Amino acid sequence: MSIEIINKLRPATFKYNDLIPGLNDGKLHMGFMAQDLKEIFGEDFAIVTKDDKTQFLQVQYYELIAPLTKSIQELSQKVKDLEEIINKK
């Protein structure tokens, strides 16, 4: 997992439709399209699952915590490295 993977993510805004009763609250939501995440992460990761009843893809957002954390760590290291270069001048 790296920042390159996270950079492929495309945040989206959407409204739920009426296909699943109770989800359509008429509000605008922010997240990711399950199809995009499935393409980026592949079948081996549990970020995208399929609902047994509806067969719709679902995003397991808690599964994004680790790759996002890893990306923050990578960026922090890059900042630290750049600060060291700047401070040597």
PDB file of N, CA and C in Angstrom:
ATOM      1  N   MET A   1       0.843  -1.179   0.000  1.00  0.00           N
ATOM      2  CA  MET A   1       0.000   0.000   0.000  1.00  0.00           C
ATOM      3  C   MET A   1       0.880   1.231   0.000  1.00  0.00           C
ATOM      4  N   SER A   2       0.493   2.180  -0.816  1.00  0.00           N
ATOM      5  CA  SER A   2       1.310   3.376  -0.873  1.00  0.00           C
ATOM      6  C   SER A   2       0.480   4.563  -1.325  1.00  0.00           C
ATOM      7  N   ILE A   3       1.144   5.693  -1.316  1.00  0.00           N
ATOM      8  CA  ILE A   3       0.485   6.930  -1.719  1.00  0.00           C
ATOM      9  C   ILE A   3       0.003   6.849  -3.168  1.00  0.00           C
ATOM     10  N   GLU A   4       0.683   6.069  -3.990  1.00  0.00           N
ATOM     11  CA  GLU A   4       0.265   5.937  -5.386  1.00  0.00           C
ATOM     12  C   GLU A   4      -1.136   5.324  -5.492  1.00  0.00           C
ATOM     13  N   ILE A   5      -1.415   4.355  -4.646  1.00  0.00           N
ATOM     14  CA  ILE A   5      -2.755   3.748  -4.632  1.00  0.00           C
ATOM     15  C   ILE A   5      -3.790   4.756  -4.163  1.00  0.00           C
ATOM     16  N   ILE A   6      -3.481   5.472  -3.095  1.00  0.00           N
ATOM     17  CA  ILE A   6      -4.422   6.455  -2.559  1.00  0.00           C
ATOM     18  C   ILE A   6      -4.684   7.554  -3.578  1.00  0.00           C
ATOM     19  N   ASN A   7      -3.672   7.930  -4.346  1.00  0.00           N
ATOM     20  CA  ASN A   7      -3.856   8.961  -5.366  1.00  0.00           C
ATOM     21  C   ASN A   7      -4.800   8.524  -6.478  1.00  0.00           C
ATOM     22  N   LYS A   8      -5.023   7.230  -6.609  1.00  0.00           N
ATOM     23  CA  LYS A   8      -5.963   6.734  -7.613  1.00  0.00           C
ATOM     24  C   LYS A   8      -7.425   6.857  -7.175  1.00  0.00           C
ATOM     25  N   LEU A   9      -7.643   7.043  -5.879  1.00  0.00           N
ATOM     26  CA  LEU A   9      -9.016   7.139  -5.366  1.00  0.00           C
ATOM     27  C   LEU A   9      -9.690   8.401  -5.897  1.00  0.00           C
ATOM     28  N   ARG A  10     -10.952   8.249  -6.246  1.00  0.00           N
ATOM     29  CA  ARG A  10     -11.721   9.379  -6.762  1.00  0.00           C
ATOM     30  C   ARG A  10     -12.929   9.624  -5.860  1.00  0.00           C
ATOM     31  N   PRO A  11     -12.793  10.567  -4.915  1.00  0.00           N
ATOM     32  CA  PRO A  11     -13.946  10.872  -4.064  1.00  0.00           C
ATOM     33  C   PRO A  11     -15.136  11.300  -4.922  1.00  0.00           C
ATOM     34  N   ALA A  12     -16.316  10.940  -4.457  1.00  0.00           N
ATOM     35  CA  ALA A  12     -17.533  11.245  -5.213  1.00  0.00           C
ATOM     36  C   ALA A  12     -18.623  11.722  -4.271  1.00  0.00           C
ATOM     37  N   THR A  13     -19.569  12.439  -4.824  1.00  0.00           N
ATOM     38  CA  THR A  13     -20.792  12.777  -4.101  1.00  0.00           C
ATOM     39  C   THR A  13     -21.934  12.047  -4.794  1.00  0.00           C
ATOM     40  N   PHE A  14     -22.903  11.618  -4.004  1.00  0.00           N
ATOM     41  CA  PHE A  14     -24.004  10.843  -4.569  1.00  0.00           C
ATOM     42  C   PHE A  14     -25.215  10.897  -3.650  1.00  0.00           C
ATOM     43  N   LYS A  15     -26.349  10.546  -4.205  1.00  0.00           N
ATOM     44  CA  LYS A  15     -27.573  10.350  -3.436  1.00  0.00           C
ATOM     45  C   LYS A  15     -27.978   8.894  -3.611  1.00  0.00           C
ATOM     46  N   TYR A  16     -28.480   8.307  -2.546  1.00  0.00           N
ATOM     47  CA  TYR A  16     -28.964   6.933  -2.646  1.00  0.00           C
ATOM     48  C   TYR A  16     -30.260   6.917  -3.437  1.00  0.00           C
ATOM     49  N   ASN A  17     -30.468   5.846  -4.171  1.00  0.00           N
ATOM     50  CA  ASN A  17     -31.722   5.713  -4.904  1.00  0.00           C
ATOM     51  C   ASN A  17     -32.703   4.875  -4.084  1.00  0.00           C
ATOM     52  N   ASP A  18     -33.836   4.571  -4.643  1.00  0.00           N
ATOM     53  CA  ASP A  18     -34.875   3.849  -3.916  1.00  0.00           C
ATOM     54  C   ASP A  18     -34.773   2.329  -4.051  1.00  0.00           C
ATOM     55  N   LEU A  19     -33.694   1.827  -4.652  1.00  0.00           N
ATOM     56  CA  LEU A  19     -33.578   0.386  -4.853  1.00  0.00           C
ATOM     57  C   LEU A  19     -33.450  -0.379  -3.542  1.00  0.00           C
ATOM     58  N   ILE A  20     -32.862   0.253  -2.534  1.00  0.00           N
ATOM     59  CA  ILE A  20     -32.768  -0.370  -1.213  1.00  0.00           C
ATOM     60  C   ILE A  20     -33.610   0.460  -0.254  1.00  0.00           C
ATOM     61  N   PRO A  21     -34.725  -0.080   0.209  1.00  0.00           N
ATOM     62  CA  PRO A  21     -35.614   0.669   1.095  1.00  0.00           C
ATOM     63  C   PRO A  21     -34.892   1.184   2.337  1.00  0.00           C
ATOM     64  N   GLY A  22     -35.144   2.432   2.656  1.00  0.00           N
ATOM     65  CA  GLY A  22     -34.586   3.032   3.859  1.00  0.00           C
ATOM     66  C   GLY A  22     -33.281   3.773   3.665  1.00  0.00           C
ATOM     67  N   LEU A  23     -32.597   3.588   2.553  1.00  0.00           N
ATOM     68  CA  LEU A  23     -31.327   4.283   2.337  1.00  0.00           C
ATOM     69  C   LEU A  23     -31.514   5.672   1.752  1.00  0.00           C
ATOM     70  N   ASN A  24     -32.539   5.863   0.952  1.00  0.00           N
ATOM     71  CA  ASN A  24     -32.742   7.151   0.284  1.00  0.00           C
ATOM     72  C   ASN A  24     -33.273   8.166   1.278  1.00  0.00           C
ATOM     73  N   ASP A  25     -32.360   8.961   1.830  1.00  0.00           N
ATOM     74  CA  ASP A  25     -32.752  10.011   2.767  1.00  0.00           C
ATOM     75  C   ASP A  25     -32.831  11.371   2.087  1.00  0.00           C
ATOM     76  N   GLY A  26     -32.602  11.399   0.777  1.00  0.00           N
ATOM     77  CA  GLY A  26     -32.670  12.645   0.020  1.00  0.00           C
ATOM     78  C   GLY A  26     -31.467  13.545   0.197  1.00  0.00           C
ATOM     79  N   LYS A  27     -30.500  13.131   0.983  1.00  0.00           N
ATOM     80  CA  LYS A  27     -29.319  13.955   1.252  1.00  0.00           C
ATOM     81  C   LYS A  27     -28.172  13.562   0.335  1.00  0.00           C
ATOM     82  N   LEU A  28     -27.266  14.505   0.178  1.00  0.00           N
ATOM     83  CA  LEU A  28     -26.062  14.272  -0.609  1.00  0.00           C
ATOM     84  C   LEU A  28     -25.019  13.623   0.302  1.00  0.00           C
ATOM     85  N   HIS A  29     -24.411  12.540  -0.177  1.00  0.00           N
ATOM     86  CA  HIS A  29     -23.405  11.805   0.584  1.00  0.00           C
ATOM     87  C   HIS A  29     -22.057  11.918  -0.115  1.00  0.00           C
ATOM     88  N   MET A  30     -20.985  11.745   0.662  1.00  0.00           N
ATOM     89  CA  MET A  30     -19.633  11.735   0.110  1.00  0.00           C
ATOM     90  C   MET A  30     -19.023  10.373   0.349  1.00  0.00           C
ATOM     91  N   GLY A  31     -18.265   9.904  -0.611  1.00  0.00           N
ATOM     92  CA  GLY A  31     -17.624   8.610  -0.451  1.00  0.00           C
ATOM     93  C   GLY A  31     -16.898   8.220  -1.715  1.00  0.00           C
ATOM     94  N   PHE A  32     -16.885   6.920  -1.971  1.00  0.00           N
ATOM     95  CA  PHE A  32     -16.227   6.372  -3.145  1.00  0.00           C
ATOM     96  C   PHE A  32     -17.179   5.402  -3.821  1.00  0.00           C
ATOM     97  N   MET A  33     -17.031   5.262  -5.117  1.00  0.00           N
ATOM     98  CA  MET A  33     -17.831   4.289  -5.847  1.00  0.00           C
ATOM     99  C   MET A  33     -17.194   2.910  -5.644  1.00  0.00           C
ATOM    100  N   ALA A  34     -18.009   1.958  -5.258  1.00  0.00           N
ATOM    101  CA  ALA A  34     -17.512   0.609  -4.983  1.00  0.00           C
ATOM    102  C   ALA A  34     -16.806   0.019  -6.201  1.00  0.00           C
ATOM    103  N   GLN A  35     -17.340   0.276  -7.381  1.00  0.00           N
ATOM    104  CA  GLN A  35     -16.732  -0.260  -8.599  1.00  0.00           C
ATOM    105  C   GLN A  35     -15.312   0.268  -8.788  1.00  0.00           C
ATOM    106  N   ASP A  36     -15.111   1.560  -8.481  1.00  0.00           N
ATOM    107  CA  ASP A  36     -13.768   2.147  -8.590  1.00  0.00           C
ATOM    108  C   ASP A  36     -12.803   1.494  -7.600  1.00  0.00           C
ATOM    109  N   LEU A  37     -13.256   1.328  -6.364  1.00  0.00           N
ATOM    110  CA  LEU A  37     -12.391   0.722  -5.347  1.00  0.00           C
ATOM    111  C   LEU A  37     -12.058  -0.720  -5.693  1.00  0.00           C
ATOM    112  N   LYS A  38     -13.026  -1.437  -6.216  1.00  0.00           N
ATOM    113  CA  LYS A  38     -12.793  -2.828  -6.610  1.00  0.00           C
ATOM    114  C   LYS A  38     -11.732  -2.906  -7.704  1.00  0.00           C
ATOM    115  N   GLU A  39     -11.773  -1.962  -8.630  1.00  0.00           N
ATOM    116  CA  GLU A  39     -10.782  -1.914  -9.705  1.00  0.00           C
ATOM    117  C   GLU A  39      -9.395  -1.567  -9.170  1.00  0.00           C
ATOM    118  N   ILE A  40      -9.334  -0.627  -8.239  1.00  0.00           N
ATOM    119  CA  ILE A  40      -8.051  -0.167  -7.697  1.00  0.00           C
ATOM    120  C   ILE A  40      -7.416  -1.226  -6.794  1.00  0.00           C
ATOM    121  N   PHE A  41      -8.196  -1.789  -5.882  1.00  0.00           N
ATOM    122  CA  PHE A  41      -7.651  -2.709  -4.888  1.00  0.00           C
ATOM    123  C   PHE A  41      -7.719  -4.178  -5.314  1.00  0.00           C
ATOM    124  N   GLY A  42      -8.591  -4.507  -6.246  1.00  0.00           N
ATOM    125  CA  GLY A  42      -8.710  -5.886  -6.703  1.00  0.00           C
ATOM    126  C   GLY A  42      -9.603  -6.730  -5.809  1.00  0.00           C
ATOM    127  N   GLU A  43      -9.676  -7.985  -6.162  1.00  0.00           N
ATOM    128  CA  GLU A  43     -10.565  -8.934  -5.481  1.00  0.00           C
ATOM    129  C   GLU A  43     -10.024  -9.414  -4.136  1.00  0.00           C
ATOM    130  N   ASP A  44      -8.723  -9.291  -3.911  1.00  0.00           N
ATOM    131  CA  ASP A  44      -8.117  -9.857  -2.709  1.00  0.00           C
ATOM    132  C   ASP A  44      -8.398  -9.050  -1.441  1.00  0.00           C
ATOM    133  N   PHE A  45      -8.791  -7.790  -1.592  1.00  0.00           N
ATOM    134  CA  PHE A  45      -9.030  -6.943  -0.428  1.00  0.00           C
ATOM    135  C   PHE A  45     -10.516  -6.887  -0.095  1.00  0.00           C
ATOM    136  N   ALA A  46     -10.822  -6.746   1.191  1.00  0.00           N
ATOM    137  CA  ALA A  46     -12.205  -6.750   1.666  1.00  0.00           C
ATOM    138  C   ALA A  46     -12.823  -5.355   1.680  1.00  0.00           C
ATOM    139  N   ILE A  47     -12.256  -4.439   0.938  1.00  0.00           N
ATOM    140  CA  ILE A  47     -12.784  -3.076   0.920  1.00  0.00           C
ATOM    141  C   ILE A  47     -14.162  -3.037   0.270  1.00  0.00           C
ATOM    142  N   VAL A  48     -14.365  -3.884  -0.729  1.00  0.00           N
ATOM    143  CA  VAL A  48     -15.654  -3.958  -1.406  1.00  0.00           C
ATOM    144  C   VAL A  48     -16.240  -5.351  -1.181  1.00  0.00           C
ATOM    145  N   THR A  49     -17.477  -5.377  -0.718  1.00  0.00           N
ATOM    146  CA  THR A  49     -18.185  -6.639  -0.529  1.00  0.00           C
ATOM    147  C   THR A  49     -19.504  -6.584  -1.295  1.00  0.00           C
ATOM    148  N   LYS A  50     -20.128  -7.736  -1.419  1.00  0.00           N
ATOM    149  CA  LYS A  50     -21.423  -7.794  -2.090  1.00  0.00           C
ATOM    150  C   LYS A  50     -22.476  -8.183  -1.069  1.00  0.00           C
ATOM    151  N   ASP A  51     -23.557  -7.401  -1.007  1.00  0.00           N
ATOM    152  CA  ASP A  51     -24.658  -7.702  -0.109  1.00  0.00           C
ATOM    153  C   ASP A  51     -25.346  -8.991  -0.573  1.00  0.00           C
ATOM    154  N   ASP A  52     -25.526  -9.936   0.340  1.00  0.00           N
ATOM    155  CA  ASP A  52     -26.115 -11.226  -0.011  1.00  0.00           C
ATOM    156  C   ASP A  52     -27.556 -11.107  -0.510  1.00  0.00           C
ATOM    157  N   LYS A  53     -28.310 -10.192   0.065  1.00  0.00           N
ATOM    158  CA  LYS A  53     -29.727 -10.064  -0.312  1.00  0.00           C
ATOM    159  C   LYS A  53     -29.907  -9.308  -1.626  1.00  0.00           C
ATOM    160  N   THR A  54     -29.257  -8.146  -1.729  1.00  0.00           N
ATOM    161  CA  THR A  54     -29.483  -7.277  -2.891  1.00  0.00           C
ATOM    162  C   THR A  54     -28.500  -7.503  -4.017  1.00  0.00           C
ATOM    163  N   GLN A  55     -27.362  -8.121  -3.709  1.00  0.00           N
ATOM    164  CA  GLN A  55     -26.269  -8.323  -4.667  1.00  0.00           C
ATOM    165  C   GLN A  55     -25.582  -7.017  -5.072  1.00  0.00           C
ATOM    166  N   PHE A  56     -25.885  -5.916  -4.364  1.00  0.00           N
ATOM    167  CA  PHE A  56     -25.221  -4.644  -4.623  1.00  0.00           C
ATOM    168  C   PHE A  56     -23.847  -4.642  -3.959  1.00  0.00           C
ATOM    169  N   LEU A  57     -22.890  -3.960  -4.588  1.00  0.00           N
ATOM    170  CA  LEU A  57     -21.574  -3.794  -3.992  1.00  0.00           C
ATOM    171  C   LEU A  57     -21.654  -2.776  -2.864  1.00  0.00           C
ATOM    172  N   GLN A  58     -20.888  -3.035  -1.813  1.00  0.00           N
ATOM    173  CA  GLN A  58     -20.851  -2.140  -0.660  1.00  0.00           C
ATOM    174  C   GLN A  58     -19.405  -1.805  -0.328  1.00  0.00           C
ATOM    175  N   VAL A  59     -19.172  -0.557   0.080  1.00  0.00           N
ATOM    176  CA  VAL A  59     -17.837  -0.128   0.500  1.00  0.00           C
ATOM    177  C   VAL A  59     -17.726  -0.311   2.009  1.00  0.00           C
ATOM    178  N   GLN A  60     -16.685  -1.014   2.427  1.00  0.00           N
ATOM    179  CA  GLN A  60     -16.384  -1.175   3.851  1.00  0.00           C
ATOM    180  C   GLN A  60     -15.353  -0.094   4.200  1.00  0.00           C
ATOM    181  N   TYR A  61     -15.853   1.079   4.588  1.00  0.00           N
ATOM    182  CA  TYR A  61     -14.979   2.239   4.759  1.00  0.00           C
ATOM    183  C   TYR A  61     -13.890   2.018   5.812  1.00  0.00           C
ATOM    184  N   TYR A  62     -14.170   1.241   6.846  1.00  0.00           N
ATOM    185  CA  TYR A  62     -13.158   1.001   7.876  1.00  0.00           C
ATOM    186  C   TYR A  62     -11.920   0.308   7.292  1.00  0.00           C
ATOM    187  N   GLU A  63     -12.084  -0.399   6.167  1.00  0.00           N
ATOM    188  CA  GLU A  63     -10.952  -1.062   5.518  1.00  0.00           C
ATOM    189  C   GLU A  63      -9.996  -0.061   4.862  1.00  0.00           C
ATOM    190  N   LEU A  64     -10.424   1.177   4.714  1.00  0.00           N
ATOM    191  CA  LEU A  64      -9.563   2.213   4.125  1.00  0.00           C
ATOM    192  C   LEU A  64      -8.647   2.870   5.159  1.00  0.00           C
ATOM    193  N   ILE A  65      -8.885   2.610   6.433  1.00  0.00           N
ATOM    194  CA  ILE A  65      -8.084   3.257   7.480  1.00  0.00           C
ATOM    195  C   ILE A  65      -6.603   2.911   7.347  1.00  0.00           C
ATOM    196  N   ALA A  66      -6.284   1.649   7.151  1.00  0.00           N
ATOM    197  CA  ALA A  66      -4.869   1.238   7.073  1.00  0.00           C
ATOM    198  C   ALA A  66      -4.153   1.848   5.871  1.00  0.00           C
ATOM    199  N   PRO A  67      -4.718   1.753   4.647  1.00  0.00           N
ATOM    200  CA  PRO A  67      -3.982   2.368   3.532  1.00  0.00           C
ATOM    201  C   PRO A  67      -3.886   3.881   3.648  1.00  0.00           C
ATOM    202  N   LEU A  68      -4.888   4.526   4.208  1.00  0.00           N
ATOM    203  CA  LEU A  68      -4.804   5.974   4.401  1.00  0.00           C
ATOM    204  C   LEU A  68      -3.735   6.320   5.436  1.00  0.00           C
ATOM    205  N   THR A  69      -3.667   5.529   6.509  1.00  0.00           N
ATOM    206  CA  THR A  69      -2.642   5.741   7.534  1.00  0.00           C
ATOM    207  C   THR A  69      -1.251   5.547   6.947  1.00  0.00           C
ATOM    208  N   LYS A  70      -1.081   4.494   6.153  1.00  0.00           N
ATOM    209  CA  LYS A  70       0.220   4.234   5.525  1.00  0.00           C
ATOM    210  C   LYS A  70       0.625   5.392   4.609  1.00  0.00           C
ATOM    211  N   SER A  71      -0.322   5.942   3.887  1.00  0.00           N
ATOM    212  CA  SER A  71      -0.032   7.076   3.008  1.00  0.00           C
ATOM    213  C   SER A  71       0.382   8.307   3.804  1.00  0.00           C
ATOM    214  N   ILE A  72      -0.271   8.550   4.919  1.00  0.00           N
ATOM    215  CA  ILE A  72       0.104   9.674   5.781  1.00  0.00           C
ATOM    216  C   ILE A  72       1.520   9.475   6.306  1.00  0.00           C
ATOM    217  N   GLN A  73       1.843   8.242   6.690  1.00  0.00           N
ATOM    218  CA  GLN A  73       3.193   7.951   7.173  1.00  0.00           C
ATOM    219  C   GLN A  73       4.229   8.196   6.080  1.00  0.00           C
ATOM    220  N   GLU A  74       3.926   7.780   4.862  1.00  0.00           N
ATOM    221  CA  GLU A  74       4.847   8.007   3.749  1.00  0.00           C
ATOM    222  C   GLU A  74       5.044   9.500   3.499  1.00  0.00           C
ATOM    223  N   LEU A  75       3.953  10.251   3.515  1.00  0.00           N
ATOM    224  CA  LEU A  75       4.055  11.697   3.302  1.00  0.00           C
ATOM    225  C   LEU A  75       4.825  12.368   4.436  1.00  0.00           C
ATOM    226  N   SER A  76       4.606  11.919   5.671  1.00  0.00           N
ATOM    227  CA  SER A  76       5.338  12.477   6.809  1.00  0.00           C
ATOM    228  C   SER A  76       6.832  12.248   6.664  1.00  0.00           C
ATOM    229  N   GLN A  77       7.208  11.063   6.196  1.00  0.00           N
ATOM    230  CA  GLN A  77       8.622  10.779   5.988  1.00  0.00           C
ATOM    231  C   GLN A  77       9.208  11.661   4.892  1.00  0.00           C
ATOM    232  N   LYS A  78       8.458  11.878   3.834  1.00  0.00           N
ATOM    233  CA  LYS A  78       8.928  12.760   2.753  1.00  0.00           C
ATOM    234  C   LYS A  78       9.119  14.184   3.266  1.00  0.00           C
ATOM    235  N   VAL A  79       8.196  14.659   4.093  1.00  0.00           N
ATOM    236  CA  VAL A  79       8.318  16.001   4.664  1.00  0.00           C
ATOM    237  C   VAL A  79       9.557  16.077   5.547  1.00  0.00           C
ATOM    238  N   LYS A  80       9.746  15.050   6.373  1.00  0.00           N
ATOM    239  CA  LYS A  80      10.921  15.011   7.251  1.00  0.00           C
ATOM    240  C   LYS A  80      12.211  15.036   6.433  1.00  0.00           C
ATOM    241  N   ASP A  81      12.263  14.239   5.378  1.00  0.00           N
ATOM    242  CA  ASP A  81      13.449  14.209   4.513  1.00  0.00           C
ATOM    243  C   ASP A  81      13.696  15.568   3.872  1.00  0.00           C
ATOM    244  N   LEU A  82      12.652  16.206   3.404  1.00  0.00           N
ATOM    245  CA  LEU A  82      12.798  17.526   2.774  1.00  0.00           C
ATOM    246  C   LEU A  82      13.221  18.583   3.786  1.00  0.00           C
ATOM    247  N   GLU A  83      12.695  18.500   5.016  1.00  0.00           N
ATOM    248  CA  GLU A  83      13.108  19.438   6.058  1.00  0.00           C
ATOM    249  C   GLU A  83      14.590  19.283   6.369  1.00  0.00           C
ATOM    250  N   GLU A  84      15.068  18.050   6.385  1.00  0.00           N
ATOM    251  CA  GLU A  84      16.493  17.819   6.636  1.00  0.00           C
ATOM    252  C   GLU A  84      17.343  18.414   5.523  1.00  0.00           C
ATOM    253  N   ILE A  85      16.900  18.278   4.286  1.00  0.00           N
ATOM    254  CA  ILE A  85      17.628  18.872   3.152  1.00  0.00           C
ATOM    255  C   ILE A  85      17.648  20.384   3.271  1.00  0.00           C
ATOM    256  N   ILE A  86      16.527  20.970   3.588  1.00  0.00           N
ATOM    257  CA  ILE A  86      16.433  22.430   3.725  1.00  0.00           C
ATOM    258  C   ILE A  86      17.308  22.926   4.867  1.00  0.00           C
ATOM    259  N   ASN A  87      17.295  22.234   5.989  1.00  0.00           N
ATOM    260  CA  ASN A  87      18.055  22.663   7.162  1.00  0.00           C
ATOM    261  C   ASN A  87      19.557  22.516   6.984  1.00  0.00           C
ATOM    262  N   LYS A  88      20.009  21.702   6.044  1.00  0.00           N
ATOM    263  CA  LYS A  88      21.449  21.533   5.768  1.00  0.00           C
ATOM    264  C   LYS A  88      22.000  22.697   4.969  1.00  0.00           C
ATOM    265  N   LYS A  89      21.131  23.452   4.318  1.00  0.00           N
ATOM    266  CA  LYS A  89      21.587  24.564   3.482  1.00  0.00           C
ATOM    267  C   LYS A  89      21.891  25.780   4.306  1.00  0.00           C
TER     268      LYS A  89
END
